[in-house]
Amino acid sequence: MASSTTVVLAALFANAAIAVLKFVGYLLTGSPSMLSETYHSISDTGNQVFLLVGIRYSDKVASRGHPFGYGKAQFFYAFLVAVLLFGIAGWESAAHGYEAIVHPHPVAPGDVELLGRTFPAVYVNYAALLGAIGFESYALKKAYEGLSLQMDEHGWSTLREAFRKTSDVTTLTAFTEDSIAMGGAGLALLGVFLSRQTGNPIYDAVASFLIGLMLMGFALALAWENKRLLIGESLPRGEERDLKAIVARWDGVRHVDDFRTVYFGPEQLIVTADVSFDDGLNTGEIDERITAIERALVEREPQVQKVYIEPER
């Protein structure tokens, strides 16, 4: 999944199809981990819906009531993804898995007929999970490429640093979601296979419980990262210091009294500064320097969309 509408739509339809296939597998076999994975894919599908709404809403033109635009809509809808979808799906999955651990029941083998031949119903589970792993591998690769571009652009050295500093919540959500989806499908596949081979349903039940814990952990992590942007986070300290240094070194600037940055949308920054200029400069010369400084800040940091410099005497 990426931030483009086309890719998000493709992911939506694919995840919806995978959810149906997983649910069919659950109905045929009663596998707890398949039900957890059904919750997971339903969450992924809802995720795409919320991200599409966020992308569409954030594209609205700035208005009198929202003079800086609607960029934070993506933060809000990504927060909803974490709290309403992944949190609920995680809780339901963990609860279902716990119930299956405490009160284990044999997974119904079942059979399905296809093209005149009869197959064990568990093959539907295998097909659904292998298909999910294949799709999520491609989606994870695309999300990683997007995150890698940001890491190269900003000089972030690790994924952990990128997770803490990026303002592109669509890519952040995509990368984390696809990572968890890969892990969840792998766990479910392992649990279904072991229960099938040993006849012991505990493996399937434990896989369901672990999938729920993974989803809830993701919900907490993503909600926390979106919280920092919703309440107004500044540019990372090192990058903000570099921008401030540009202003401080400018010809005619005596002192930078105050310097602040804040995100008002994905990769959209406001910069404000109170600057003391040399006493010998007239109003026209100060205006020229402010215009030049604004241009230099935008050239240095493409995320800067608005610059407000207040001259001090």
Protein backbone atom coordinates (compact mmCIF):
# COMPACT_ATOMS: atom_id res chain seq x y z
CA MET A 1 0.00 0.00 0.00
CA ALA A 2 1.28 3.48 -0.89
CA SER A 3 -0.14 6.97 -0.68
CA SER A 4 -1.39 7.04 -4.27
CA THR A 5 -5.13 6.55 -4.59
CA THR A 6 -4.71 3.88 -7.28
CA VAL A 7 -2.47 1.69 -5.14
CA VAL A 8 -4.64 2.13 -2.06
CA LEU A 9 -7.71 1.10 -4.05
CA ALA A 10 -5.90 -1.98 -5.36
CA ALA A 11 -4.92 -2.91 -1.81
CA LEU A 12 -8.50 -2.40 -0.63
CA PHE A 13 -9.98 -4.84 -3.15
CA ALA A 14 -7.20 -7.38 -2.66
CA ASN A 15 -7.53 -7.35 1.15
CA ALA A 16 -11.32 -7.65 0.87
CA ALA A 17 -10.93 -10.73 -1.36
CA ILE A 18 -8.38 -12.25 1.02
CA ALA A 19 -10.72 -11.63 3.97
CA VAL A 20 -13.53 -13.52 2.21
CA LEU A 21 -11.24 -16.43 1.38
CA LYS A 22 -9.95 -16.62 4.96
CA PHE A 23 -13.49 -16.54 6.31
CA VAL A 24 -14.48 -19.40 3.99
CA GLY A 25 -11.51 -21.33 5.36
CA TYR A 26 -12.68 -20.64 8.91
CA LEU A 27 -16.24 -21.78 8.13
CA LEU A 28 -14.95 -25.02 6.60
CA THR A 29 -12.43 -25.88 9.33
CA GLY A 30 -13.32 -23.86 12.42
CA SER A 31 -9.68 -22.76 12.68
CA PRO A 32 -9.24 -20.05 15.38
CA SER A 33 -6.21 -18.55 13.65
CA MET A 34 -8.16 -18.29 10.39
CA LEU A 35 -10.84 -16.30 12.20
CA SER A 36 -8.13 -14.05 13.64
CA GLU A 37 -6.70 -13.59 10.18
CA THR A 38 -10.19 -12.80 8.89
CA TYR A 39 -10.43 -10.02 11.50
CA HIS A 40 -6.95 -8.93 10.40
CA SER A 41 -7.85 -8.70 6.70
CA ILE A 42 -11.11 -6.92 7.49
CA SER A 43 -9.03 -4.41 9.45
CA ASP A 44 -6.65 -4.03 6.53
CA THR A 45 -9.62 -3.39 4.23
CA GLY A 46 -11.03 -0.78 6.60
CA ASN A 47 -7.55 0.68 6.83
CA GLN A 48 -7.54 1.39 3.10
CA VAL A 49 -10.99 3.02 3.36
CA PHE A 50 -9.88 5.36 6.13
CA LEU A 51 -6.62 6.21 4.35
CA LEU A 52 -8.53 6.99 1.16
CA VAL A 53 -10.85 9.28 3.11
CA GLY A 54 -7.85 10.95 4.74
CA ILE A 55 -6.05 11.46 1.43
CA ARG A 56 -9.18 12.84 -0.22
CA TYR A 57 -10.02 15.12 2.73
CA SER A 58 -6.48 16.45 3.06
CA ASP A 59 -6.56 17.56 -0.60
CA LYS A 60 -9.29 20.11 0.13
CA VAL A 61 -8.35 23.70 -0.60
CA ALA A 62 -7.55 25.89 2.40
CA SER A 63 -10.52 27.93 3.62
CA ARG A 64 -11.19 30.75 6.04
CA GLY A 65 -12.01 28.23 8.76
CA HIS A 66 -8.91 26.14 7.93
CA PRO A 67 -6.36 28.66 6.63
CA PHE A 68 -3.51 26.12 6.56
CA GLY A 69 -5.53 23.47 4.76
CA TYR A 70 -6.71 20.03 5.83
CA GLY A 71 -3.40 18.15 5.87
CA LYS A 72 -3.87 16.92 9.43
CA ALA A 73 -6.87 14.89 8.26
CA GLN A 74 -4.41 12.13 7.34
CA PHE A 75 -3.10 12.11 10.92
CA PHE A 76 -6.66 11.84 12.27
CA TYR A 77 -7.79 9.01 9.98
CA ALA A 78 -4.56 7.08 10.54
CA PHE A 79 -5.24 7.46 14.27
CA LEU A 80 -8.72 6.01 13.73
CA VAL A 81 -7.16 3.08 11.88
CA ALA A 82 -5.08 2.32 14.95
CA VAL A 83 -7.73 2.77 17.61
CA LEU A 84 -10.97 1.59 16.00
CA LEU A 85 -9.80 -1.04 13.54
CA PHE A 86 -6.59 -2.63 14.71
CA GLY A 87 -7.40 -2.27 18.39
CA ILE A 88 -10.82 -3.90 18.03
CA ALA A 89 -9.56 -6.60 15.65
CA GLY A 90 -6.63 -7.30 17.94
CA TRP A 91 -8.83 -7.62 21.00
CA GLU A 92 -11.31 -9.90 19.23
CA SER A 93 -8.50 -12.08 17.87
CA ALA A 94 -6.77 -12.38 21.23
CA ALA A 95 -10.05 -13.11 23.03
CA HIS A 96 -11.01 -15.78 20.50
CA GLY A 97 -7.54 -17.35 20.72
CA TYR A 98 -7.61 -17.33 24.52
CA GLU A 99 -11.02 -19.01 24.51
CA ALA A 100 -9.68 -21.68 22.14
CA ILE A 101 -6.68 -22.26 24.42
CA VAL A 102 -8.80 -22.59 27.56
CA HIS A 103 -11.51 -24.65 25.85
CA PRO A 104 -9.78 -26.44 22.98
CA HIS A 105 -11.87 -28.21 20.38
CA PRO A 106 -10.76 -30.31 17.42
CA VAL A 107 -10.50 -28.37 14.18
CA ALA A 108 -13.06 -29.85 11.80
CA PRO A 109 -11.22 -31.39 8.85
CA GLY A 110 -13.99 -30.98 6.25
CA ASP A 111 -13.71 -31.43 2.50
CA VAL A 112 -14.34 -29.25 -0.52
CA GLU A 113 -15.14 -30.34 -4.07
CA LEU A 114 -13.47 -28.58 -6.98
CA LEU A 115 -13.43 -29.63 -10.64
CA GLY A 116 -14.87 -33.00 -9.73
CA ARG A 117 -12.21 -33.74 -7.13
CA THR A 118 -12.41 -33.68 -3.35
CA PHE A 119 -9.76 -31.87 -1.29
CA PRO A 120 -9.28 -31.39 2.47
CA ALA A 121 -10.82 -28.05 3.48
CA VAL A 122 -7.57 -27.07 5.18
CA TYR A 123 -6.13 -26.55 1.69
CA VAL A 124 -8.37 -23.48 1.47
CA ASN A 125 -6.59 -22.14 4.54
CA TYR A 126 -3.19 -22.82 2.99
CA ALA A 127 -4.19 -21.16 -0.26
CA ALA A 128 -5.62 -18.09 1.48
CA LEU A 129 -2.60 -17.64 3.73
CA LEU A 130 -0.02 -18.23 1.01
CA GLY A 131 -1.89 -15.79 -1.23
CA ALA A 132 -1.94 -13.24 1.59
CA ILE A 133 1.80 -13.67 2.17
CA GLY A 134 2.48 -13.19 -1.54
CA PHE A 135 0.40 -10.02 -1.79
CA GLU A 136 1.71 -8.56 1.47
CA SER A 137 5.30 -9.24 0.39
CA TYR A 138 4.76 -7.05 -2.66
CA ALA A 139 2.96 -4.39 -0.61
CA LEU A 140 5.69 -4.42 2.03
CA LYS A 141 8.35 -3.99 -0.66
CA LYS A 142 6.54 -0.93 -2.02
CA ALA A 143 6.07 0.57 1.46
CA TYR A 144 9.72 -0.06 2.29
CA GLU A 145 10.81 1.68 -0.90
CA GLY A 146 8.74 4.72 0.07
CA LEU A 147 10.17 4.76 3.57
CA SER A 148 13.70 4.28 2.24
CA LEU A 149 13.34 7.36 0.04
CA GLN A 150 12.45 9.40 3.12
CA MET A 151 15.38 7.91 5.04
CA ASP A 152 17.78 8.90 2.25
CA GLU A 153 16.25 12.37 1.95
CA HIS A 154 16.46 13.15 5.66
CA GLY A 155 19.58 11.18 6.54
CA TRP A 156 17.81 8.77 8.90
CA SER A 157 19.95 5.72 9.52
CA THR A 158 17.48 3.18 10.92
CA LEU A 159 13.84 2.18 10.48
CA ARG A 160 13.28 2.98 14.15
CA GLU A 161 14.46 6.55 13.60
CA ALA A 162 12.24 6.88 10.54
CA PHE A 163 9.26 5.54 12.50
CA ARG A 164 9.77 8.19 15.17
CA LYS A 165 10.42 11.13 12.85
CA THR A 166 8.39 10.71 9.66
CA SER A 167 5.29 12.82 9.11
CA ASP A 168 4.08 10.69 6.20
CA VAL A 169 1.54 8.64 8.16
CA THR A 170 0.23 6.88 5.06
CA THR A 171 3.62 5.31 4.35
CA LEU A 172 4.20 4.71 8.06
CA THR A 173 0.85 2.94 8.42
CA ALA A 174 1.46 0.95 5.24
CA PHE A 175 4.88 -0.28 6.29
CA THR A 176 3.80 -1.28 9.78
CA GLU A 177 0.53 -2.82 8.60
CA ASP A 178 2.25 -4.91 5.93
CA SER A 179 4.91 -6.07 8.37
CA ILE A 180 2.28 -7.18 10.87
CA ALA A 181 0.22 -8.78 8.07
CA MET A 182 3.21 -10.85 7.00
CA GLY A 183 3.84 -11.95 10.57
CA GLY A 184 0.18 -12.73 11.20
CA ALA A 185 -0.24 -14.80 8.04
CA GLY A 186 2.97 -16.67 8.82
CA LEU A 187 1.82 -17.44 12.37
CA ALA A 188 -1.59 -18.60 11.17
CA LEU A 189 -0.01 -20.81 8.51
CA LEU A 190 2.30 -22.38 11.08
CA GLY A 191 -0.53 -22.89 13.58
CA VAL A 192 -2.87 -24.45 11.00
CA PHE A 193 -0.11 -26.72 9.67
CA LEU A 194 1.01 -27.96 13.10
CA SER A 195 -2.55 -28.63 14.22
CA ARG A 196 -3.22 -30.46 10.97
CA GLN A 197 -0.07 -32.59 11.31
CA THR A 198 -0.34 -33.38 15.04
CA GLY A 199 -4.11 -33.37 15.50
CA ASN A 200 -3.59 -31.01 18.47
CA PRO A 201 -5.71 -27.81 18.21
CA ILE A 202 -3.53 -25.92 20.72
CA TYR A 203 -1.12 -24.74 18.01
CA ASP A 204 -3.91 -23.12 16.05
CA ALA A 205 -5.33 -21.52 19.20
CA VAL A 206 -1.97 -20.10 20.30
CA ALA A 207 -1.40 -18.68 16.81
CA SER A 208 -4.77 -16.91 17.05
CA PHE A 209 -3.87 -15.43 20.44
CA LEU A 210 -0.46 -14.23 19.24
CA ILE A 211 -2.00 -12.60 16.16
CA GLY A 212 -4.31 -10.65 18.46
CA LEU A 213 -1.38 -9.48 20.60
CA MET A 214 0.49 -8.35 17.48
CA LEU A 215 -2.49 -6.34 16.29
CA MET A 216 -2.98 -4.66 19.64
CA GLY A 217 0.72 -3.86 19.86
CA PHE A 218 0.57 -2.26 16.42
CA ALA A 219 -2.52 -0.28 17.44
CA LEU A 220 -0.71 1.20 20.44
CA ALA A 221 2.47 2.01 18.51
CA LEU A 222 0.69 3.64 15.58
CA ALA A 223 -1.70 5.58 17.83
CA TRP A 224 1.28 6.94 19.79
CA GLU A 225 3.11 8.03 16.63
CA ASN A 226 0.02 9.76 15.26
CA LYS A 227 -0.61 11.47 18.60
CA ARG A 228 2.68 13.39 18.30
CA LEU A 229 1.60 14.77 14.93
CA LEU A 230 -2.01 15.48 15.92
CA ILE A 231 -0.95 17.67 18.83
CA GLY A 232 1.62 19.54 16.71
CA GLU A 233 5.16 18.19 16.54
CA SER A 234 8.16 20.20 15.40
CA LEU A 235 10.84 19.22 12.93
CA PRO A 236 13.48 16.94 14.53
CA ARG A 237 15.95 18.95 16.59
CA GLY A 238 18.96 18.55 14.30
CA GLU A 239 17.07 19.55 11.17
CA GLU A 240 15.43 22.48 12.96
CA ARG A 241 18.85 23.63 14.17
CA ASP A 242 20.13 23.63 10.57
CA LEU A 243 17.25 25.85 9.45
CA LYS A 244 17.77 28.23 12.36
CA ALA A 245 21.48 28.46 11.46
CA ILE A 246 20.56 29.64 7.95
CA VAL A 247 18.62 32.55 9.45
CA ALA A 248 21.26 33.34 12.08
CA ARG A 249 24.08 33.54 9.50
CA TRP A 250 22.18 35.75 7.07
CA ASP A 251 23.68 39.11 6.24
CA GLY A 252 22.08 41.82 8.39
CA VAL A 253 20.74 39.43 11.05
CA ARG A 254 21.97 40.31 14.50
CA HIS A 255 20.16 37.63 16.51
CA VAL A 256 17.39 35.01 16.20
CA ASP A 257 15.19 35.66 19.23
CA ASP A 258 12.75 32.80 18.64
CA PHE A 259 12.52 29.99 16.09
CA ARG A 260 9.77 27.38 15.81
CA THR A 261 8.55 24.74 13.37
CA VAL A 262 5.40 22.63 13.39
CA TYR A 263 3.79 20.11 11.04
CA PHE A 264 0.34 21.00 9.71
CA GLY A 265 0.15 18.02 7.35
CA PRO A 266 2.26 15.16 5.97
CA GLU A 267 5.60 16.70 4.99
CA GLN A 268 4.11 20.19 5.39
CA LEU A 269 5.86 22.56 7.79
CA ILE A 270 5.26 26.04 9.14
CA VAL A 271 8.33 28.02 10.22
CA THR A 272 8.06 31.08 12.44
CA ALA A 273 10.92 33.26 13.66
CA ASP A 274 11.45 36.46 15.61
CA VAL A 275 14.61 38.01 14.17
CA SER A 276 16.63 41.04 15.29
CA PHE A 277 18.14 42.86 12.32
CA ASP A 278 20.99 45.36 12.30
CA ASP A 279 19.89 48.83 13.42
CA GLY A 280 21.22 50.45 10.23
CA LEU A 281 18.79 48.61 7.93
CA ASN A 282 15.70 50.42 6.69
CA THR A 283 12.29 48.80 6.22
CA GLY A 284 12.83 48.03 2.54
CA GLU A 285 16.18 46.33 3.19
CA ILE A 286 14.67 44.24 5.99
CA ASP A 287 11.83 43.15 3.70
CA GLU A 288 14.33 42.08 1.04
CA ARG A 289 16.27 40.01 3.55
CA ILE A 290 13.11 38.37 4.90
CA THR A 291 12.09 37.37 1.37
CA ALA A 292 15.56 35.95 0.68
CA ILE A 293 15.58 34.05 3.97
CA GLU A 294 12.15 32.53 3.24
CA ARG A 295 13.36 31.36 -0.17
CA ALA A 296 16.53 29.86 1.34
CA LEU A 297 14.56 27.94 3.98
CA VAL A 298 12.27 26.42 1.36
CA GLU A 299 15.25 25.45 -0.81
CA ARG A 300 16.99 23.83 2.18
CA GLU A 301 13.90 21.97 3.43
CA PRO A 302 11.23 21.17 0.80
CA GLN A 303 8.72 20.34 3.55
CA VAL A 304 8.54 24.04 4.47
CA GLN A 305 5.28 25.41 3.06
CA LYS A 306 4.83 28.59 5.12
CA VAL A 307 7.40 30.94 6.63
CA TYR A 308 6.56 33.83 8.96
CA ILE A 309 9.43 36.07 10.07
CA GLU A 310 8.77 38.85 12.54
CA PRO A 311 11.48 41.55 12.53
CA GLU A 312 12.56 42.81 15.94
CA ARG A 313 14.46 45.98 16.78
